[in-house]
Amino acid sequence: MDRRRFCAASLATLFGARALFAEDEPAGNVAELEKQVAELMTLMSKTGGGKQFWADVWCFHDWRIQCNSITGHYRLLDGSNCRHMSGTYDECRAKMDEIRASQKLQPMQGKAIIVLHGLFRTRTSMSSLGSALSKSGAYNVFCVGYPTTRGSIEQHARSLDNVIRSLEGISEINFIAHSLGNLVVRHWVHDFTAEERALPHGQTFGRMVMLAAPNRQPKLATILVRGSVANFVAGPAAEAMATGWEKLEPKLATPQFEFGVLAGGKGDNKGFNPLLPGDDDGVVTVESTRLPGARDFRLVPVLHSFFMNDRRVHEYAMRFFEHGHFETEETRQPITA
């Protein structure tokens, strides 16, 4: 028995004994004790939501199933990051079926936006953006987490595929990703196309917004991710961008659905980082974000690490999802080469 279960059992025994032997205890007080036990049990099951060791593999509203990148076991979390089951994937699904029935949770429907974070970040780093996208009420927003330093881009793409497959009832799939997250989506598109697969019946692609995407080999990665220690810390995905780009690039497909690119920079030829050539956001050069086929492009004067929190980025993204341009149809800046 682990420590959490031991503490929970001890508390349950303590409060249960008090209610049993206090024969004169009013029924209302006993009910209150039971409520306190339930609240303590929930508190003990609180998690951090998954940082660099958990990948989301299944989503339903604000519930999700995660897989541990080291042990391979699964857990079921609610929207408050409380764990309701830990074990196999099937056990977590079975528990979710019980919860759906007991709480009478409604099926999902409508359009979805899948939000992906970048290297060293977590799904919570995209919370501000996710909230902004949710305000219209037109989309189901899923901030998806994956262990960026503990897996390859190919593995992250497979986790993303599992999430997309789980979105029963969703009619349209849209994406917005920051930095590395864009490469995960592009790898998934490559795999999806190469395997000649199709979305579930009744489901279509919508649009994608790329935020500070290293669509061409990021120069800073080639400078910083060197040596065994750096590779161990940054992980296989960063190593692929730094030293394995020739093998990675052919597996990064250009989306066949409409997409737009938002890049960070100062609008000059210097940028924020003197180590990088030309304009940049401190991490990714403007030139490396440009992917031919983009329906629209805009430069935003904001640093890479704060890109997803910028109000202008939120407004651009929402406008692109709704209309296919960042400002107006007449002022689009498509990337042709």
C-alpha atoms as a PDB file:
ATOM      1  CA  MET A   1       0.000   0.000   0.000  1.00  0.00           C
ATOM      2  CA  ASP A   2       1.495   3.369  -0.977  1.00  0.00           C
ATOM      3  CA  ARG A   3       1.665   6.347   1.378  1.00  0.00           C
ATOM      4  CA  ARG A   4      -1.346   8.118  -0.110  1.00  0.00           C
ATOM      5  CA  ARG A   5      -3.586   5.057   0.259  1.00  0.00           C
ATOM      6  CA  PHE A   6      -2.259   4.421   3.779  1.00  0.00           C
ATOM      7  CA  CYS A   7      -3.023   7.993   4.881  1.00  0.00           C
ATOM      8  CA  ALA A   8      -6.435   7.877   3.272  1.00  0.00           C
ATOM      9  CA  ALA A   9      -7.285   4.594   4.983  1.00  0.00           C
ATOM     10  CA  SER A  10      -6.075   5.937   8.321  1.00  0.00           C
ATOM     11  CA  LEU A  11      -8.201   9.044   8.052  1.00  0.00           C
ATOM     12  CA  ALA A  12     -11.221   7.068   6.953  1.00  0.00           C
ATOM     13  CA  THR A  13     -10.768   4.727   9.928  1.00  0.00           C
ATOM     14  CA  LEU A  14     -10.333   7.652  12.319  1.00  0.00           C
ATOM     15  CA  PHE A  15     -13.433   9.518  11.224  1.00  0.00           C
ATOM     16  CA  GLY A  16     -15.403   6.285  10.888  1.00  0.00           C
ATOM     17  CA  ALA A  17     -14.564   5.258  14.446  1.00  0.00           C
ATOM     18  CA  ARG A  18     -15.566   8.647  15.772  1.00  0.00           C
ATOM     19  CA  ALA A  19     -18.939   8.421  14.090  1.00  0.00           C
ATOM     20  CA  LEU A  20     -19.423   4.820  15.275  1.00  0.00           C
ATOM     21  CA  PHE A  21     -18.711   5.388  18.951  1.00  0.00           C
ATOM     22  CA  ALA A  22     -20.376   8.773  19.252  1.00  0.00           C
ATOM     23  CA  GLU A  23     -23.832   7.219  19.458  1.00  0.00           C
ATOM     24  CA  ASP A  24     -25.407  10.532  20.343  1.00  0.00           C
ATOM     25  CA  GLU A  25     -23.774  12.298  17.414  1.00  0.00           C
ATOM     26  CA  PRO A  26     -26.447  14.001  15.273  1.00  0.00           C
ATOM     27  CA  ALA A  27     -26.855  12.569  11.772  1.00  0.00           C
ATOM     28  CA  GLY A  28     -25.904  15.932  10.267  1.00  0.00           C
ATOM     29  CA  ASN A  29     -22.519  15.847  11.993  1.00  0.00           C
ATOM     30  CA  VAL A  30     -21.827  12.341  10.723  1.00  0.00           C
ATOM     31  CA  ALA A  31     -22.629  13.509   7.181  1.00  0.00           C
ATOM     32  CA  GLU A  32     -20.250  16.430   7.640  1.00  0.00           C
ATOM     33  CA  LEU A  33     -17.499  14.045   8.768  1.00  0.00           C
ATOM     34  CA  GLU A  34     -18.034  11.903   5.691  1.00  0.00           C
ATOM     35  CA  LYS A  35     -17.800  15.041   3.545  1.00  0.00           C
ATOM     36  CA  GLN A  36     -14.506  15.980   5.205  1.00  0.00           C
ATOM     37  CA  VAL A  37     -13.100  12.521   4.543  1.00  0.00           C
ATOM     38  CA  ALA A  38     -14.077  12.795   0.861  1.00  0.00           C
ATOM     39  CA  GLU A  39     -12.450  16.212   0.588  1.00  0.00           C
ATOM     40  CA  LEU A  40      -9.237  14.926   2.194  1.00  0.00           C
ATOM     41  CA  MET A  41      -9.176  11.948  -0.143  1.00  0.00           C
ATOM     42  CA  THR A  42      -9.480  14.297  -3.123  1.00  0.00           C
ATOM     43  CA  LEU A  43      -6.713  16.526  -1.760  1.00  0.00           C
ATOM     44  CA  MET A  44      -4.388  13.539  -1.460  1.00  0.00           C
ATOM     45  CA  SER A  45      -5.000  12.625  -5.098  1.00  0.00           C
ATOM     46  CA  LYS A  46      -4.040  16.104  -6.324  1.00  0.00           C
ATOM     47  CA  THR A  47      -1.235  16.049  -8.895  1.00  0.00           C
ATOM     48  CA  GLY A  48       0.862  18.609 -10.715  1.00  0.00           C
ATOM     49  CA  GLY A  49      -0.943  17.747 -13.936  1.00  0.00           C
ATOM     50  CA  GLY A  50       2.099  16.183 -15.572  1.00  0.00           C
ATOM     51  CA  LYS A  51       5.337  18.031 -16.283  1.00  0.00           C
ATOM     52  CA  GLN A  52       8.226  16.418 -18.144  1.00  0.00           C
ATOM     53  CA  PHE A  53       7.212  12.800 -17.553  1.00  0.00           C
ATOM     54  CA  TRP A  54       3.580  12.549 -18.700  1.00  0.00           C
ATOM     55  CA  ALA A  55       1.946  12.562 -22.131  1.00  0.00           C
ATOM     56  CA  ASP A  56      -1.760  13.138 -22.689  1.00  0.00           C
ATOM     57  CA  VAL A  57      -3.169  10.270 -24.772  1.00  0.00           C
ATOM     58  CA  TRP A  58      -6.934  10.646 -24.374  1.00  0.00           C
ATOM     59  CA  CYS A  59      -9.201  13.648 -23.781  1.00  0.00           C
ATOM     60  CA  PHE A  60     -12.860  14.133 -22.915  1.00  0.00           C
ATOM     61  CA  HIS A  61     -13.922  17.694 -22.075  1.00  0.00           C
ATOM     62  CA  ASP A  62     -11.493  18.639 -19.267  1.00  0.00           C
ATOM     63  CA  TRP A  63     -10.745  15.015 -18.333  1.00  0.00           C
ATOM     64  CA  ARG A  64      -7.659  13.281 -19.712  1.00  0.00           C
ATOM     65  CA  ILE A  65      -5.667  10.067 -19.508  1.00  0.00           C
ATOM     66  CA  GLN A  66      -1.890  10.390 -19.336  1.00  0.00           C
ATOM     67  CA  CYS A  67       0.927   7.905 -19.888  1.00  0.00           C
ATOM     68  CA  ASN A  68       4.147   8.078 -17.875  1.00  0.00           C
ATOM     69  CA  SER A  69       7.164   8.271 -20.184  1.00  0.00           C
ATOM     70  CA  ILE A  70       9.346   6.234 -17.791  1.00  0.00           C
ATOM     71  CA  THR A  71       7.108   3.560 -16.239  1.00  0.00           C
ATOM     72  CA  GLY A  72       4.517   3.322 -19.034  1.00  0.00           C
ATOM     73  CA  HIS A  73       1.595   3.284 -16.602  1.00  0.00           C
ATOM     74  CA  TYR A  74      -1.490   5.462 -17.003  1.00  0.00           C
ATOM     75  CA  ARG A  75      -3.597   7.746 -14.853  1.00  0.00           C
ATOM     76  CA  LEU A  76      -6.939   9.506 -15.194  1.00  0.00           C
ATOM     77  CA  LEU A  77      -7.089  13.194 -14.221  1.00  0.00           C
ATOM     78  CA  ASP A  78      -9.988  15.609 -13.985  1.00  0.00           C
ATOM     79  CA  GLY A  79      -9.929  19.313 -14.811  1.00  0.00           C
ATOM     80  CA  SER A  80      -8.434  20.115 -11.393  1.00  0.00           C
ATOM     81  CA  ASN A  81      -5.572  17.634 -11.947  1.00  0.00           C
ATOM     82  CA  CYS A  82      -6.953  15.232  -9.353  1.00  0.00           C
ATOM     83  CA  ARG A  83      -6.155  11.586 -10.021  1.00  0.00           C
ATOM     84  CA  HIS A  84      -9.153   9.251 -10.127  1.00  0.00           C
ATOM     85  CA  MET A  85      -7.388   6.098 -11.324  1.00  0.00           C
ATOM     86  CA  SER A  86      -3.850   4.835 -11.794  1.00  0.00           C
ATOM     87  CA  GLY A  87      -3.013   1.625 -13.635  1.00  0.00           C
ATOM     88  CA  THR A  88      -3.503   0.386 -17.169  1.00  0.00           C
ATOM     89  CA  TYR A  89      -5.093   2.326 -19.992  1.00  0.00           C
ATOM     90  CA  ASP A  90      -8.121   0.027 -19.971  1.00  0.00           C
ATOM     91  CA  GLU A  91      -8.577   0.510 -16.227  1.00  0.00           C
ATOM     92  CA  CYS A  92      -8.535   4.277 -16.669  1.00  0.00           C
ATOM     93  CA  ARG A  93     -11.068   4.072 -19.508  1.00  0.00           C
ATOM     94  CA  ALA A  94     -13.329   1.834 -17.433  1.00  0.00           C
ATOM     95  CA  LYS A  95     -13.170   4.285 -14.531  1.00  0.00           C
ATOM     96  CA  MET A  96     -13.980   7.141 -16.895  1.00  0.00           C
ATOM     97  CA  ASP A  97     -17.018   5.238 -18.167  1.00  0.00           C
ATOM     98  CA  GLU A  98     -18.230   4.931 -14.574  1.00  0.00           C
ATOM     99  CA  ILE A  99     -17.739   8.650 -13.986  1.00  0.00           C
ATOM    100  CA  ARG A 100     -19.501   9.592 -17.228  1.00  0.00           C
ATOM    101  CA  ALA A 101     -22.482   7.500 -16.208  1.00  0.00           C
ATOM    102  CA  SER A 102     -22.642   8.618 -12.573  1.00  0.00           C
ATOM    103  CA  GLN A 103     -22.144  12.323 -13.357  1.00  0.00           C
ATOM    104  CA  LYS A 104     -24.235  12.159 -16.539  1.00  0.00           C
ATOM    105  CA  LEU A 105     -21.530  13.903 -18.563  1.00  0.00           C
ATOM    106  CA  GLN A 106     -22.703  14.970 -22.002  1.00  0.00           C
ATOM    107  CA  PRO A 107     -20.936  13.832 -25.206  1.00  0.00           C
ATOM    108  CA  MET A 108     -18.575  16.243 -26.934  1.00  0.00           C
ATOM    109  CA  GLN A 109     -19.657  18.103 -30.041  1.00  0.00           C
ATOM    110  CA  GLY A 110     -18.662  21.024 -32.268  1.00  0.00           C
ATOM    111  CA  LYS A 111     -15.236  22.305 -33.283  1.00  0.00           C
ATOM    112  CA  ALA A 112     -11.986  21.741 -31.405  1.00  0.00           C
ATOM    113  CA  ILE A 113      -8.698  23.592 -31.114  1.00  0.00           C
ATOM    114  CA  ILE A 114      -5.760  21.477 -30.005  1.00  0.00           C
ATOM    115  CA  VAL A 115      -3.115  23.583 -28.243  1.00  0.00           C
ATOM    116  CA  LEU A 116       0.487  22.353 -28.024  1.00  0.00           C
ATOM    117  CA  HIS A 117       3.332  23.872 -25.995  1.00  0.00           C
ATOM    118  CA  GLY A 118       7.032  24.082 -26.787  1.00  0.00           C
ATOM    119  CA  LEU A 119      10.306  22.662 -25.482  1.00  0.00           C
ATOM    120  CA  PHE A 120      10.806  22.639 -21.679  1.00  0.00           C
ATOM    121  CA  ARG A 121       7.243  23.919 -21.218  1.00  0.00           C
ATOM    122  CA  THR A 122       4.023  22.253 -20.046  1.00  0.00           C
ATOM    123  CA  ARG A 123       0.359  22.480 -20.946  1.00  0.00           C
ATOM    124  CA  THR A 124      -0.147  25.070 -18.192  1.00  0.00           C
ATOM    125  CA  SER A 125       2.123  27.465 -20.091  1.00  0.00           C
ATOM    126  CA  MET A 126      -0.625  27.667 -22.711  1.00  0.00           C
ATOM    127  CA  SER A 127      -3.435  28.370 -20.232  1.00  0.00           C
ATOM    128  CA  SER A 128      -3.691  32.075 -21.062  1.00  0.00           C
ATOM    129  CA  LEU A 129      -3.979  31.335 -24.765  1.00  0.00           C
ATOM    130  CA  GLY A 130      -6.425  28.501 -24.133  1.00  0.00           C
ATOM    131  CA  SER A 131      -8.659  30.758 -22.047  1.00  0.00           C
ATOM    132  CA  ALA A 132      -8.625  33.451 -24.722  1.00  0.00           C
ATOM    133  CA  LEU A 133      -9.630  30.953 -27.409  1.00  0.00           C
ATOM    134  CA  SER A 134     -12.401  29.552 -25.216  1.00  0.00           C
ATOM    135  CA  LYS A 135     -14.083  32.913 -24.633  1.00  0.00           C
ATOM    136  CA  SER A 136     -15.937  32.904 -27.939  1.00  0.00           C
ATOM    137  CA  GLY A 137     -17.678  29.682 -27.010  1.00  0.00           C
ATOM    138  CA  ALA A 138     -17.264  28.469 -30.585  1.00  0.00           C
ATOM    139  CA  TYR A 139     -14.539  25.924 -29.844  1.00  0.00           C
ATOM    140  CA  ASN A 140     -13.686  23.112 -27.470  1.00  0.00           C
ATOM    141  CA  VAL A 141     -10.105  23.905 -26.461  1.00  0.00           C
ATOM    142  CA  PHE A 142      -7.731  21.099 -25.463  1.00  0.00           C
ATOM    143  CA  CYS A 143      -4.354  22.154 -24.045  1.00  0.00           C
ATOM    144  CA  VAL A 144      -2.406  18.964 -24.628  1.00  0.00           C
ATOM    145  CA  GLY A 145       0.665  18.094 -22.590  1.00  0.00           C
ATOM    146  CA  TYR A 146       3.646  15.981 -23.614  1.00  0.00           C
ATOM    147  CA  PRO A 147       7.111  15.368 -22.067  1.00  0.00           C
ATOM    148  CA  THR A 148       9.240  17.459 -24.424  1.00  0.00           C
ATOM    149  CA  THR A 149      12.574  16.389 -22.932  1.00  0.00           C
ATOM    150  CA  ARG A 150      11.722  12.697 -22.592  1.00  0.00           C
ATOM    151  CA  GLY A 151      10.840  11.555 -26.068  1.00  0.00           C
ATOM    152  CA  SER A 152      11.403  12.007 -29.768  1.00  0.00           C
ATOM    153  CA  ILE A 153       9.252  14.159 -32.026  1.00  0.00           C
ATOM    154  CA  GLU A 154       7.974  10.930 -33.579  1.00  0.00           C
ATOM    155  CA  GLN A 155       6.849   9.673 -30.162  1.00  0.00           C
ATOM    156  CA  HIS A 156       5.154  12.969 -29.375  1.00  0.00           C
ATOM    157  CA  ALA A 157       3.354  12.757 -32.731  1.00  0.00           C
ATOM    158  CA  ARG A 158       2.034   9.313 -31.780  1.00  0.00           C
ATOM    159  CA  SER A 159       0.707  10.669 -28.488  1.00  0.00           C
ATOM    160  CA  LEU A 160      -0.967  13.487 -30.383  1.00  0.00           C
ATOM    161  CA  ASP A 161      -2.526  10.921 -32.709  1.00  0.00           C
ATOM    162  CA  ASN A 162      -4.031   9.124 -29.717  1.00  0.00           C
ATOM    163  CA  VAL A 163      -5.531  12.382 -28.476  1.00  0.00           C
ATOM    164  CA  ILE A 164      -7.040  13.195 -31.867  1.00  0.00           C
ATOM    165  CA  ARG A 165      -8.523   9.692 -32.133  1.00  0.00           C
ATOM    166  CA  SER A 166     -10.156  10.159 -28.727  1.00  0.00           C
ATOM    167  CA  LEU A 167     -12.140  13.258 -29.689  1.00  0.00           C
ATOM    168  CA  GLU A 168     -15.444  11.490 -30.333  1.00  0.00           C
ATOM    169  CA  GLY A 169     -18.233  13.806 -31.409  1.00  0.00           C
ATOM    170  CA  ILE A 170     -15.888  16.605 -32.489  1.00  0.00           C
ATOM    171  CA  SER A 171     -16.665  17.789 -36.025  1.00  0.00           C
ATOM    172  CA  GLU A 172     -13.577  19.882 -36.843  1.00  0.00           C
ATOM    173  CA  ILE A 173      -9.921  19.675 -35.785  1.00  0.00           C
ATOM    174  CA  ASN A 174      -7.889  22.899 -35.530  1.00  0.00           C
ATOM    175  CA  PHE A 175      -4.368  23.362 -34.174  1.00  0.00           C
ATOM    176  CA  ILE A 176      -2.333  26.090 -32.555  1.00  0.00           C
ATOM    177  CA  ALA A 177       1.203  25.331 -31.423  1.00  0.00           C
ATOM    178  CA  HIS A 178       4.175  27.128 -29.958  1.00  0.00           C
ATOM    179  CA  SER A 179       7.750  26.404 -31.066  1.00  0.00           C
ATOM    180  CA  LEU A 180       8.471  22.629 -30.909  1.00  0.00           C
ATOM    181  CA  GLY A 181       4.742  21.887 -30.843  1.00  0.00           C
ATOM    182  CA  ASN A 182       4.555  22.881 -34.510  1.00  0.00           C
ATOM    183  CA  LEU A 183       7.051  20.182 -35.458  1.00  0.00           C
ATOM    184  CA  VAL A 184       4.993  17.634 -33.537  1.00  0.00           C
ATOM    185  CA  VAL A 185       1.912  18.565 -35.575  1.00  0.00           C
ATOM    186  CA  ARG A 186       3.856  18.548 -38.853  1.00  0.00           C
ATOM    187  CA  HIS A 187       5.296  15.108 -38.024  1.00  0.00           C
ATOM    188  CA  TRP A 188       1.794  13.865 -37.223  1.00  0.00           C
ATOM    189  CA  VAL A 189       0.513  15.214 -40.557  1.00  0.00           C
ATOM    190  CA  HIS A 190       3.351  13.364 -42.326  1.00  0.00           C
ATOM    191  CA  ASP A 191       2.519  10.084 -40.585  1.00  0.00           C
ATOM    192  CA  PHE A 192      -1.210  10.567 -41.149  1.00  0.00           C
ATOM    193  CA  THR A 193      -0.685  11.161 -44.862  1.00  0.00           C
ATOM    194  CA  ALA A 194       1.965   8.471 -45.386  1.00  0.00           C
ATOM    195  CA  GLU A 195      -0.289   5.846 -43.822  1.00  0.00           C
ATOM    196  CA  GLU A 196      -3.193   7.042 -46.003  1.00  0.00           C
ATOM    197  CA  ARG A 197      -5.429   7.394 -42.992  1.00  0.00           C
ATOM    198  CA  ALA A 198      -8.587   9.453 -42.690  1.00  0.00           C
ATOM    199  CA  LEU A 199     -10.232  11.263 -39.817  1.00  0.00           C
ATOM    200  CA  PRO A 200     -13.249   9.561 -38.205  1.00  0.00           C
ATOM    201  CA  HIS A 201     -16.532   9.810 -40.102  1.00  0.00           C
ATOM    202  CA  GLY A 202     -18.023  13.299 -39.877  1.00  0.00           C
ATOM    203  CA  GLN A 203     -14.739  14.912 -38.801  1.00  0.00           C
ATOM    204  CA  THR A 204     -12.798  17.408 -40.924  1.00  0.00           C
ATOM    205  CA  PHE A 205      -9.687  19.577 -40.667  1.00  0.00           C
ATOM    206  CA  GLY A 206     -10.037  23.250 -39.898  1.00  0.00           C
ATOM    207  CA  ARG A 207      -7.031  25.572 -39.676  1.00  0.00           C
ATOM    208  CA  MET A 208      -3.705  25.878 -37.874  1.00  0.00           C
ATOM    209  CA  VAL A 209      -1.821  28.824 -36.361  1.00  0.00           C
ATOM    210  CA  MET A 210       1.938  28.431 -35.932  1.00  0.00           C
ATOM    211  CA  LEU A 211       3.562  30.465 -33.157  1.00  0.00           C
ATOM    212  CA  ALA A 212       7.332  31.060 -33.365  1.00  0.00           C
ATOM    213  CA  ALA A 213       7.746  27.820 -35.278  1.00  0.00           C
ATOM    214  CA  PRO A 214      11.257  26.505 -36.115  1.00  0.00           C
ATOM    215  CA  ASN A 215      10.105  25.390 -39.554  1.00  0.00           C
ATOM    216  CA  ARG A 216      13.711  25.503 -40.727  1.00  0.00           C
ATOM    217  CA  GLN A 217      16.586  24.264 -38.612  1.00  0.00           C
ATOM    218  CA  PRO A 218      16.818  26.555 -35.556  1.00  0.00           C
ATOM    219  CA  LYS A 219      20.264  28.123 -35.347  1.00  0.00           C
ATOM    220  CA  LEU A 220      20.237  28.443 -31.566  1.00  0.00           C
ATOM    221  CA  ALA A 221      19.703  24.696 -31.140  1.00  0.00           C
ATOM    222  CA  THR A 222      22.863  23.975 -33.137  1.00  0.00           C
ATOM    223  CA  ILE A 223      24.773  26.289 -30.799  1.00  0.00           C
ATOM    224  CA  LEU A 224      23.386  25.207 -27.419  1.00  0.00           C
ATOM    225  CA  VAL A 225      22.502  21.531 -27.774  1.00  0.00           C
ATOM    226  CA  ARG A 226      25.975  20.039 -27.991  1.00  0.00           C
ATOM    227  CA  GLY A 227      27.565  17.226 -26.040  1.00  0.00           C
ATOM    228  CA  SER A 228      26.132  14.338 -24.035  1.00  0.00           C
ATOM    229  CA  VAL A 229      25.118  16.457 -21.034  1.00  0.00           C
ATOM    230  CA  ALA A 230      23.218  19.002 -23.135  1.00  0.00           C
ATOM    231  CA  ASN A 231      21.511  16.229 -25.095  1.00  0.00           C
ATOM    232  CA  PHE A 232      20.525  14.451 -21.868  1.00  0.00           C
ATOM    233  CA  VAL A 233      18.944  17.619 -20.463  1.00  0.00           C
ATOM    234  CA  ALA A 234      17.232  18.800 -23.651  1.00  0.00           C
ATOM    235  CA  GLY A 235      16.227  15.338 -24.847  1.00  0.00           C
ATOM    236  CA  PRO A 236      15.895  13.577 -28.229  1.00  0.00           C
ATOM    237  CA  ALA A 237      13.556  16.183 -29.737  1.00  0.00           C
ATOM    238  CA  ALA A 238      16.027  19.016 -29.190  1.00  0.00           C
ATOM    239  CA  GLU A 239      18.893  16.827 -30.359  1.00  0.00           C
ATOM    240  CA  ALA A 240      17.014  16.138 -33.604  1.00  0.00           C
ATOM    241  CA  MET A 241      16.654  19.862 -34.229  1.00  0.00           C
ATOM    242  CA  ALA A 242      20.324  20.472 -33.449  1.00  0.00           C
ATOM    243  CA  THR A 243      22.159  17.591 -35.103  1.00  0.00           C
ATOM    244  CA  GLY A 244      19.562  15.414 -36.805  1.00  0.00           C
ATOM    245  CA  TRP A 245      17.723  17.918 -38.966  1.00  0.00           C
ATOM    246  CA  GLU A 246      18.570  16.168 -42.238  1.00  0.00           C
ATOM    247  CA  LYS A 247      16.743  13.051 -41.054  1.00  0.00           C
ATOM    248  CA  LEU A 248      13.933  14.969 -39.361  1.00  0.00           C
ATOM    249  CA  GLU A 249      13.008  17.454 -42.072  1.00  0.00           C
ATOM    250  CA  PRO A 250      11.630  14.906 -44.606  1.00  0.00           C
ATOM    251  CA  LYS A 251       9.172  13.778 -41.920  1.00  0.00           C
ATOM    252  CA  LEU A 252       7.827  17.292 -41.360  1.00  0.00           C
ATOM    253  CA  ALA A 253       4.896  17.696 -43.727  1.00  0.00           C
ATOM    254  CA  THR A 254       3.412  21.002 -44.809  1.00  0.00           C
ATOM    255  CA  PRO A 255      -0.209  20.984 -43.598  1.00  0.00           C
ATOM    256  CA  GLN A 256      -2.690  20.372 -46.402  1.00  0.00           C
ATOM    257  CA  PHE A 257      -5.228  22.517 -44.571  1.00  0.00           C
ATOM    258  CA  GLU A 258      -5.049  26.304 -44.170  1.00  0.00           C
ATOM    259  CA  PHE A 259      -2.372  27.579 -41.809  1.00  0.00           C
ATOM    260  CA  GLY A 260      -0.899  30.911 -40.791  1.00  0.00           C
ATOM    261  CA  VAL A 261       2.467  31.821 -39.251  1.00  0.00           C
ATOM    262  CA  LEU A 262       3.104  34.318 -36.454  1.00  0.00           C
ATOM    263  CA  ALA A 263       6.777  35.155 -35.852  1.00  0.00           C
ATOM    264  CA  GLY A 264       8.455  37.183 -33.130  1.00  0.00           C
ATOM    265  CA  GLY A 265      10.964  39.906 -33.921  1.00  0.00           C
ATOM    266  CA  LYS A 266      11.891  43.589 -33.731  1.00  0.00           C
ATOM    267  CA  GLY A 267      11.221  44.343 -37.376  1.00  0.00           C
ATOM    268  CA  ASP A 268      14.889  45.107 -38.088  1.00  0.00           C
ATOM    269  CA  ASN A 269      17.877  43.056 -39.168  1.00  0.00           C
ATOM    270  CA  LYS A 270      19.213  42.601 -35.637  1.00  0.00           C
ATOM    271  CA  GLY A 271      16.501  41.020 -33.538  1.00  0.00           C
ATOM    272  CA  PHE A 272      16.667  40.314 -29.812  1.00  0.00           C
ATOM    273  CA  ASN A 273      19.582  37.868 -29.776  1.00  0.00           C
ATOM    274  CA  PRO A 274      23.038  38.881 -31.097  1.00  0.00           C
ATOM    275  CA  LEU A 275      23.951  35.197 -31.520  1.00  0.00           C
ATOM    276  CA  LEU A 276      21.353  34.784 -34.253  1.00  0.00           C
ATOM    277  CA  PRO A 277      21.506  36.129 -37.822  1.00  0.00           C
ATOM    278  CA  GLY A 278      18.869  38.650 -38.881  1.00  0.00           C
ATOM    279  CA  ASP A 279      15.659  39.357 -36.992  1.00  0.00           C
ATOM    280  CA  ASP A 280      14.595  36.953 -34.242  1.00  0.00           C
ATOM    281  CA  ASP A 281      12.499  36.507 -31.103  1.00  0.00           C
ATOM    282  CA  GLY A 282      15.497  35.613 -28.959  1.00  0.00           C
ATOM    283  CA  VAL A 283      15.316  31.906 -29.811  1.00  0.00           C
ATOM    284  CA  VAL A 284      13.965  31.443 -33.355  1.00  0.00           C
ATOM    285  CA  THR A 285      14.862  33.614 -36.341  1.00  0.00           C
ATOM    286  CA  VAL A 286      12.060  35.145 -38.373  1.00  0.00           C
ATOM    287  CA  GLU A 287      13.436  33.508 -41.503  1.00  0.00           C
ATOM    288  CA  SER A 288      13.262  30.031 -39.975  1.00  0.00           C
ATOM    289  CA  THR A 289       9.550  30.440 -39.167  1.00  0.00           C
ATOM    290  CA  ARG A 290       8.592  30.988 -42.799  1.00  0.00           C
ATOM    291  CA  LEU A 291       6.947  27.918 -44.332  1.00  0.00           C
ATOM    292  CA  PRO A 292       5.819  28.104 -47.969  1.00  0.00           C
ATOM    293  CA  GLY A 293       2.114  27.469 -48.284  1.00  0.00           C
ATOM    294  CA  ALA A 294       1.105  29.637 -45.337  1.00  0.00           C
ATOM    295  CA  ARG A 295      -2.067  31.595 -46.051  1.00  0.00           C
ATOM    296  CA  ASP A 296      -0.958  34.551 -43.929  1.00  0.00           C
ATOM    297  CA  PHE A 297       2.065  35.801 -41.994  1.00  0.00           C
ATOM    298  CA  ARG A 298       2.591  38.465 -39.331  1.00  0.00           C
ATOM    299  CA  LEU A 299       5.532  39.707 -37.279  1.00  0.00           C
ATOM    300  CA  VAL A 300       4.798  40.414 -33.612  1.00  0.00           C
ATOM    301  CA  PRO A 301       7.335  42.318 -31.452  1.00  0.00           C
ATOM    302  CA  VAL A 302       7.423  39.840 -28.582  1.00  0.00           C
ATOM    303  CA  LEU A 303      10.027  37.476 -27.133  1.00  0.00           C
ATOM    304  CA  HIS A 304       9.815  33.739 -27.787  1.00  0.00           C
ATOM    305  CA  SER A 305       9.095  32.693 -24.196  1.00  0.00           C
ATOM    306  CA  PHE A 306       6.167  35.097 -23.824  1.00  0.00           C
ATOM    307  CA  PHE A 307       4.629  34.566 -27.246  1.00  0.00           C
ATOM    308  CA  MET A 308       1.653  32.505 -26.094  1.00  0.00           C
ATOM    309  CA  ASN A 309       0.655  35.110 -23.483  1.00  0.00           C
ATOM    310  CA  ASP A 310       0.558  38.144 -25.781  1.00  0.00           C
ATOM    311  CA  ARG A 311      -2.899  39.666 -26.329  1.00  0.00           C
ATOM    312  CA  ARG A 312      -2.118  40.542 -29.940  1.00  0.00           C
ATOM    313  CA  VAL A 313      -1.227  36.910 -30.618  1.00  0.00           C
ATOM    314  CA  HIS A 314      -4.544  35.833 -29.091  1.00  0.00           C
ATOM    315  CA  GLU A 315      -6.476  38.223 -31.318  1.00  0.00           C
ATOM    316  CA  TYR A 316      -4.579  37.238 -34.464  1.00  0.00           C
ATOM    317  CA  ALA A 317      -5.124  33.556 -33.749  1.00  0.00           C
ATOM    318  CA  MET A 318      -8.840  33.870 -33.113  1.00  0.00           C
ATOM    319  CA  ARG A 319      -9.307  35.906 -36.281  1.00  0.00           C
ATOM    320  CA  PHE A 320      -7.434  33.327 -38.327  1.00  0.00           C
ATOM    321  CA  PHE A 321      -9.497  30.446 -36.984  1.00  0.00           C
ATOM    322  CA  GLU A 322     -12.696  32.300 -37.776  1.00  0.00           C
ATOM    323  CA  HIS A 323     -11.812  33.941 -41.119  1.00  0.00           C
ATOM    324  CA  GLY A 324      -8.552  32.514 -42.466  1.00  0.00           C
ATOM    325  CA  HIS A 325      -6.544  35.733 -42.100  1.00  0.00           C
ATOM    326  CA  PHE A 326      -4.835  37.657 -39.301  1.00  0.00           C
ATOM    327  CA  GLU A 327      -6.247  41.098 -40.110  1.00  0.00           C
ATOM    328  CA  THR A 328      -8.232  41.289 -43.344  1.00  0.00           C
ATOM    329  CA  GLU A 329      -8.469  39.278 -46.556  1.00  0.00           C
ATOM    330  CA  GLU A 330      -6.993  42.212 -48.492  1.00  0.00           C
ATOM    331  CA  THR A 331      -3.936  42.528 -46.242  1.00  0.00           C
ATOM    332  CA  ARG A 332      -2.957  38.851 -46.136  1.00  0.00           C
ATOM    333  CA  GLN A 333       0.756  38.115 -46.484  1.00  0.00           C
ATOM    334  CA  PRO A 334       0.936  34.570 -47.881  1.00  0.00           C
ATOM    335  CA  ILE A 335       4.276  32.783 -47.905  1.00  0.00           C
ATOM    336  CA  THR A 336       4.989  31.499 -51.386  1.00  0.00           C
ATOM    337  CA  ALA A 337       8.681  30.664 -51.172  1.00  0.00           C
END
